[in-house]
N, C-alpha and C. Protein backbone atom coordinates (compact mmCIF):
# COMPACT_ATOMS: atom_id res chain seq x y z
N MET A 1 40.28 22.18 -20.81
CA MET A 1 39.32 22.82 -19.95
C MET A 1 37.90 22.51 -20.41
N LYS A 2 37.68 22.52 -21.72
CA LYS A 2 36.35 22.25 -22.22
C LYS A 2 35.94 20.81 -21.93
N SER A 3 36.84 19.88 -22.02
CA SER A 3 36.49 18.47 -21.76
C SER A 3 36.12 18.27 -20.29
N THR A 4 36.77 18.98 -19.39
CA THR A 4 36.43 18.90 -17.97
C THR A 4 35.03 19.44 -17.73
N THR A 5 34.70 20.54 -18.36
CA THR A 5 33.37 21.13 -18.23
C THR A 5 32.32 20.17 -18.76
N ARG A 6 32.61 19.55 -19.90
CA ARG A 6 31.68 18.58 -20.46
C ARG A 6 31.47 17.40 -19.53
N LEU A 7 32.54 16.90 -18.96
CA LEU A 7 32.45 15.76 -18.04
C LEU A 7 31.61 16.13 -16.81
N ILE A 8 31.80 17.32 -16.29
CA ILE A 8 31.02 17.77 -15.13
C ILE A 8 29.55 17.90 -15.53
N LEU A 9 29.30 18.45 -16.71
CA LEU A 9 27.92 18.61 -17.18
C LEU A 9 27.26 17.25 -17.37
N ILE A 10 27.96 16.31 -17.95
CA ILE A 10 27.42 14.96 -18.15
C ILE A 10 27.16 14.28 -16.81
N ALA A 11 28.06 14.46 -15.87
CA ALA A 11 27.88 13.86 -14.55
C ALA A 11 26.66 14.45 -13.86
N CYS A 12 26.49 15.76 -13.96
CA CYS A 12 25.33 16.42 -13.34
C CYS A 12 24.03 15.96 -13.99
N LEU A 13 24.02 15.86 -15.30
CA LEU A 13 22.81 15.41 -16.00
C LEU A 13 22.49 13.96 -15.64
N SER A 14 23.52 13.13 -15.53
CA SER A 14 23.30 11.74 -15.13
C SER A 14 22.73 11.66 -13.72
N LEU A 15 23.24 12.48 -12.85
CA LEU A 15 22.74 12.52 -11.48
C LEU A 15 21.28 12.96 -11.44
N LEU A 16 20.95 13.97 -12.21
CA LEU A 16 19.57 14.45 -12.27
C LEU A 16 18.65 13.39 -12.87
N ALA A 17 19.11 12.71 -13.88
CA ALA A 17 18.29 11.65 -14.49
C ALA A 17 18.05 10.52 -13.50
N GLY A 18 19.03 10.21 -12.70
CA GLY A 18 18.87 9.16 -11.68
C GLY A 18 17.90 9.56 -10.59
N CYS A 19 17.81 10.83 -10.30
CA CYS A 19 16.90 11.32 -9.26
C CYS A 19 15.50 11.56 -9.79
N ALA A 20 15.32 11.41 -11.08
CA ALA A 20 14.04 11.74 -11.69
C ALA A 20 13.04 10.59 -11.64
N THR A 21 13.27 9.59 -10.81
CA THR A 21 12.32 8.50 -10.72
C THR A 21 11.01 9.04 -10.16
N ALA A 22 9.94 8.49 -10.65
CA ALA A 22 8.62 8.99 -10.25
C ALA A 22 8.30 8.57 -8.82
N LYS A 23 7.73 9.51 -8.10
CA LYS A 23 7.25 9.21 -6.75
C LYS A 23 5.91 8.50 -6.89
N PRO A 24 5.65 7.53 -6.03
CA PRO A 24 4.37 6.83 -6.12
C PRO A 24 3.23 7.77 -5.72
N PRO A 25 2.06 7.58 -6.33
CA PRO A 25 0.92 8.41 -5.93
C PRO A 25 0.54 8.12 -4.48
N MET A 26 -0.07 9.09 -3.84
CA MET A 26 -0.45 8.95 -2.43
C MET A 26 -1.37 7.74 -2.22
N GLU A 27 -2.19 7.44 -3.20
CA GLU A 27 -3.08 6.29 -3.09
C GLU A 27 -2.30 4.99 -2.95
N LEU A 28 -1.19 4.90 -3.66
CA LEU A 28 -0.36 3.69 -3.58
C LEU A 28 0.37 3.64 -2.24
N VAL A 29 0.83 4.77 -1.77
CA VAL A 29 1.48 4.83 -0.46
C VAL A 29 0.49 4.39 0.63
N ASP A 30 -0.74 4.91 0.54
CA ASP A 30 -1.77 4.53 1.51
C ASP A 30 -2.09 3.05 1.44
N ALA A 31 -2.15 2.50 0.23
CA ALA A 31 -2.44 1.08 0.06
C ALA A 31 -1.33 0.22 0.66
N ARG A 32 -0.09 0.63 0.46
CA ARG A 32 1.03 -0.10 1.05
C ARG A 32 0.93 -0.11 2.58
N GLN A 33 0.62 1.04 3.15
CA GLN A 33 0.52 1.14 4.61
C GLN A 33 -0.65 0.33 5.14
N ALA A 34 -1.79 0.39 4.46
CA ALA A 34 -2.96 -0.37 4.90
C ALA A 34 -2.68 -1.87 4.83
N TYR A 35 -2.02 -2.30 3.76
CA TYR A 35 -1.68 -3.73 3.66
C TYR A 35 -0.69 -4.13 4.76
N ALA A 36 0.28 -3.28 5.03
CA ALA A 36 1.27 -3.59 6.08
C ALA A 36 0.58 -3.77 7.43
N ARG A 37 -0.38 -2.89 7.73
CA ARG A 37 -1.12 -3.01 8.99
C ARG A 37 -1.96 -4.28 9.01
N ALA A 38 -2.62 -4.57 7.90
CA ALA A 38 -3.48 -5.76 7.85
C ALA A 38 -2.66 -7.04 7.98
N SER A 39 -1.54 -7.10 7.30
CA SER A 39 -0.75 -8.33 7.32
C SER A 39 0.00 -8.52 8.64
N ALA A 40 0.24 -7.43 9.35
CA ALA A 40 0.96 -7.54 10.62
C ALA A 40 0.01 -7.66 11.81
N GLY A 41 -1.26 -7.38 11.59
CA GLY A 41 -2.22 -7.38 12.69
C GLY A 41 -3.04 -8.65 12.75
N GLN A 42 -4.16 -8.53 13.44
CA GLN A 42 -5.05 -9.67 13.64
C GLN A 42 -5.66 -10.16 12.34
N ALA A 43 -5.75 -9.31 11.36
CA ALA A 43 -6.36 -9.70 10.09
C ALA A 43 -5.63 -10.88 9.46
N SER A 44 -4.33 -10.96 9.64
CA SER A 44 -3.59 -12.07 9.05
C SER A 44 -4.00 -13.41 9.64
N GLN A 45 -4.52 -13.40 10.86
CA GLN A 45 -4.97 -14.64 11.49
C GLN A 45 -6.48 -14.84 11.37
N LEU A 46 -7.24 -13.74 11.44
CA LEU A 46 -8.69 -13.85 11.47
C LEU A 46 -9.35 -13.69 10.10
N ALA A 47 -8.65 -13.10 9.16
CA ALA A 47 -9.19 -12.92 7.80
C ALA A 47 -8.08 -13.13 6.77
N PRO A 48 -7.42 -14.29 6.79
CA PRO A 48 -6.26 -14.49 5.91
C PRO A 48 -6.61 -14.45 4.42
N ALA A 49 -7.80 -14.90 4.06
CA ALA A 49 -8.17 -14.86 2.64
C ALA A 49 -8.28 -13.42 2.14
N GLU A 50 -8.84 -12.56 2.97
CA GLU A 50 -8.98 -11.16 2.58
C GLU A 50 -7.62 -10.45 2.53
N VAL A 51 -6.74 -10.82 3.44
CA VAL A 51 -5.38 -10.26 3.42
C VAL A 51 -4.68 -10.69 2.13
N GLN A 52 -4.87 -11.92 1.73
CA GLN A 52 -4.28 -12.42 0.48
C GLN A 52 -4.84 -11.66 -0.72
N LEU A 53 -6.15 -11.41 -0.72
CA LEU A 53 -6.75 -10.63 -1.81
C LEU A 53 -6.19 -9.21 -1.84
N ALA A 54 -5.96 -8.64 -0.67
CA ALA A 54 -5.37 -7.30 -0.60
C ALA A 54 -3.95 -7.31 -1.17
N LEU A 55 -3.20 -8.36 -0.86
CA LEU A 55 -1.83 -8.48 -1.39
C LEU A 55 -1.86 -8.59 -2.91
N GLU A 56 -2.77 -9.40 -3.42
CA GLU A 56 -2.86 -9.55 -4.87
C GLU A 56 -3.22 -8.23 -5.54
N ALA A 57 -4.15 -7.50 -4.95
CA ALA A 57 -4.54 -6.19 -5.50
C ALA A 57 -3.38 -5.21 -5.43
N LEU A 58 -2.64 -5.23 -4.33
CA LEU A 58 -1.48 -4.34 -4.19
C LEU A 58 -0.40 -4.70 -5.20
N THR A 59 -0.19 -5.97 -5.43
CA THR A 59 0.81 -6.40 -6.41
C THR A 59 0.45 -5.90 -7.81
N ILE A 60 -0.82 -5.96 -8.15
CA ILE A 60 -1.26 -5.46 -9.46
C ILE A 60 -1.07 -3.95 -9.54
N ALA A 61 -1.38 -3.24 -8.46
CA ALA A 61 -1.20 -1.79 -8.44
C ALA A 61 0.29 -1.43 -8.56
N GLU A 62 1.14 -2.19 -7.89
CA GLU A 62 2.59 -1.94 -7.97
C GLU A 62 3.10 -2.17 -9.39
N GLN A 63 2.59 -3.22 -10.06
CA GLN A 63 3.01 -3.49 -11.43
C GLN A 63 2.55 -2.36 -12.36
N SER A 64 1.34 -1.88 -12.14
CA SER A 64 0.83 -0.77 -12.94
C SER A 64 1.69 0.47 -12.72
N PHE A 65 2.12 0.69 -11.48
CA PHE A 65 3.00 1.83 -11.18
C PHE A 65 4.32 1.69 -11.92
N ARG A 66 4.87 0.48 -11.95
CA ARG A 66 6.14 0.29 -12.67
C ARG A 66 5.95 0.51 -14.18
N ASP A 67 4.79 0.07 -14.71
CA ASP A 67 4.54 0.21 -16.15
C ASP A 67 4.25 1.66 -16.54
N ASP A 68 3.45 2.34 -15.74
CA ASP A 68 3.04 3.71 -16.06
C ASP A 68 2.74 4.46 -14.76
N PRO A 69 3.76 5.05 -14.14
CA PRO A 69 3.61 5.64 -12.81
C PRO A 69 2.55 6.72 -12.69
N ARG A 70 2.27 7.42 -13.75
CA ARG A 70 1.35 8.55 -13.66
C ARG A 70 -0.06 8.25 -14.16
N SER A 71 -0.35 7.01 -14.43
CA SER A 71 -1.66 6.70 -15.02
C SER A 71 -2.77 6.72 -13.98
N ASP A 72 -3.97 7.02 -14.46
CA ASP A 72 -5.14 6.96 -13.59
C ASP A 72 -5.40 5.51 -13.16
N ARG A 73 -5.09 4.58 -14.03
CA ARG A 73 -5.28 3.16 -13.71
C ARG A 73 -4.47 2.78 -12.48
N THR A 74 -3.26 3.26 -12.38
CA THR A 74 -2.42 2.98 -11.21
C THR A 74 -3.10 3.48 -9.95
N ARG A 75 -3.61 4.67 -9.99
CA ARG A 75 -4.29 5.24 -8.81
C ARG A 75 -5.54 4.44 -8.47
N GLU A 76 -6.31 4.07 -9.49
CA GLU A 76 -7.53 3.30 -9.25
C GLU A 76 -7.22 1.93 -8.65
N LEU A 77 -6.19 1.28 -9.16
CA LEU A 77 -5.80 -0.03 -8.63
C LEU A 77 -5.29 0.10 -7.19
N ALA A 78 -4.60 1.19 -6.91
CA ALA A 78 -4.11 1.43 -5.55
C ALA A 78 -5.28 1.65 -4.59
N ILE A 79 -6.29 2.37 -5.03
CA ILE A 79 -7.47 2.59 -4.20
C ILE A 79 -8.16 1.26 -3.92
N LEU A 80 -8.26 0.42 -4.93
CA LEU A 80 -8.86 -0.91 -4.74
C LEU A 80 -8.05 -1.73 -3.74
N ALA A 81 -6.75 -1.70 -3.85
CA ALA A 81 -5.89 -2.45 -2.92
C ALA A 81 -6.06 -1.91 -1.50
N TYR A 82 -6.14 -0.60 -1.36
CA TYR A 82 -6.36 0.02 -0.05
C TYR A 82 -7.67 -0.46 0.56
N ARG A 83 -8.71 -0.44 -0.24
CA ARG A 83 -10.02 -0.86 0.27
C ARG A 83 -10.04 -2.33 0.66
N LYS A 84 -9.36 -3.15 -0.08
CA LYS A 84 -9.31 -4.58 0.26
C LYS A 84 -8.55 -4.79 1.58
N ALA A 85 -7.49 -4.04 1.78
CA ALA A 85 -6.74 -4.15 3.03
C ALA A 85 -7.59 -3.67 4.21
N LYS A 86 -8.31 -2.57 4.02
CA LYS A 86 -9.19 -2.06 5.08
C LYS A 86 -10.33 -3.04 5.35
N LEU A 87 -10.83 -3.70 4.33
CA LEU A 87 -11.88 -4.70 4.51
C LEU A 87 -11.35 -5.85 5.36
N ALA A 88 -10.14 -6.29 5.08
CA ALA A 88 -9.55 -7.37 5.87
C ALA A 88 -9.43 -6.96 7.34
N GLN A 89 -9.03 -5.72 7.58
CA GLN A 89 -8.92 -5.23 8.95
C GLN A 89 -10.30 -5.18 9.61
N SER A 90 -11.29 -4.70 8.89
CA SER A 90 -12.64 -4.61 9.43
C SER A 90 -13.21 -5.98 9.75
N LEU A 91 -12.98 -6.93 8.88
CA LEU A 91 -13.47 -8.29 9.13
C LEU A 91 -12.79 -8.91 10.34
N ALA A 92 -11.53 -8.57 10.55
CA ALA A 92 -10.83 -9.09 11.73
C ALA A 92 -11.43 -8.49 13.00
N VAL A 93 -11.73 -7.21 12.98
CA VAL A 93 -12.37 -6.57 14.14
C VAL A 93 -13.72 -7.21 14.39
N LYS A 94 -14.49 -7.41 13.34
CA LYS A 94 -15.81 -8.03 13.48
C LYS A 94 -15.68 -9.44 14.06
N ALA A 95 -14.72 -10.20 13.59
CA ALA A 95 -14.52 -11.55 14.10
C ALA A 95 -14.15 -11.52 15.58
N THR A 96 -13.37 -10.54 15.97
CA THR A 96 -12.99 -10.40 17.38
C THR A 96 -14.21 -10.08 18.23
N VAL A 97 -15.03 -9.17 17.76
CA VAL A 97 -16.24 -8.79 18.50
C VAL A 97 -17.21 -9.96 18.56
N ASP A 98 -17.34 -10.68 17.46
CA ASP A 98 -18.27 -11.81 17.41
C ASP A 98 -17.88 -12.94 18.35
N THR A 99 -16.61 -13.05 18.66
CA THR A 99 -16.17 -14.15 19.54
C THR A 99 -16.24 -13.79 21.02
N GLN A 100 -16.48 -12.51 21.32
CA GLN A 100 -16.60 -12.10 22.73
C GLN A 100 -17.95 -12.57 23.26
N PRO A 101 -17.98 -12.99 24.52
CA PRO A 101 -19.26 -13.35 25.11
C PRO A 101 -20.18 -12.14 25.18
N ALA A 102 -21.47 -12.38 25.16
CA ALA A 102 -22.44 -11.29 25.16
C ALA A 102 -22.31 -10.42 26.41
N GLY A 103 -21.99 -10.99 27.52
CA GLY A 103 -21.85 -10.23 28.75
C GLY A 103 -20.64 -9.31 28.73
N ALA A 104 -19.60 -9.66 28.03
CA ALA A 104 -18.41 -8.85 27.97
C ALA A 104 -18.69 -7.53 27.27
N GLU A 105 -19.52 -7.57 26.26
CA GLU A 105 -19.86 -6.32 25.54
C GLU A 105 -20.67 -5.41 26.44
N ALA A 106 -21.63 -5.96 27.16
CA ALA A 106 -22.45 -5.16 28.05
C ALA A 106 -21.61 -4.60 29.20
N ALA A 107 -20.68 -5.39 29.71
CA ALA A 107 -19.83 -4.94 30.80
C ALA A 107 -18.91 -3.80 30.35
N GLY A 108 -18.51 -3.82 29.09
CA GLY A 108 -17.64 -2.78 28.56
C GLY A 108 -18.33 -1.44 28.43
N ARG A 109 -19.64 -1.42 28.36
CA ARG A 109 -20.38 -0.16 28.21
C ARG A 109 -20.62 0.54 29.54
N LYS A 110 -20.51 -0.16 30.63
CA LYS A 110 -20.81 0.42 31.94
C LYS A 110 -19.73 1.35 32.40
């Protein structure tokens, strides 16, 4: 009877240890989402260099998360990756606006 109890206790502890993986900080979640939008949208065509920089920044943030999930450095790197992805999106919007004829912008305001 005691060995069965021990086995159940060990199984429960193993299950809890498996579930104890760290959740990513919200900054990293936001960076992942921003990069996903940038890489799937117009930014991938109109600002590919910036999208690549965002990917590189996100990769560094992900590595930092794997090394030390709770560090401030991980959060800071995630914020940087988020901003780079948003910059890529903004540059794509700007490129789209810049390519519109001048009359199209004025017609859109009426």
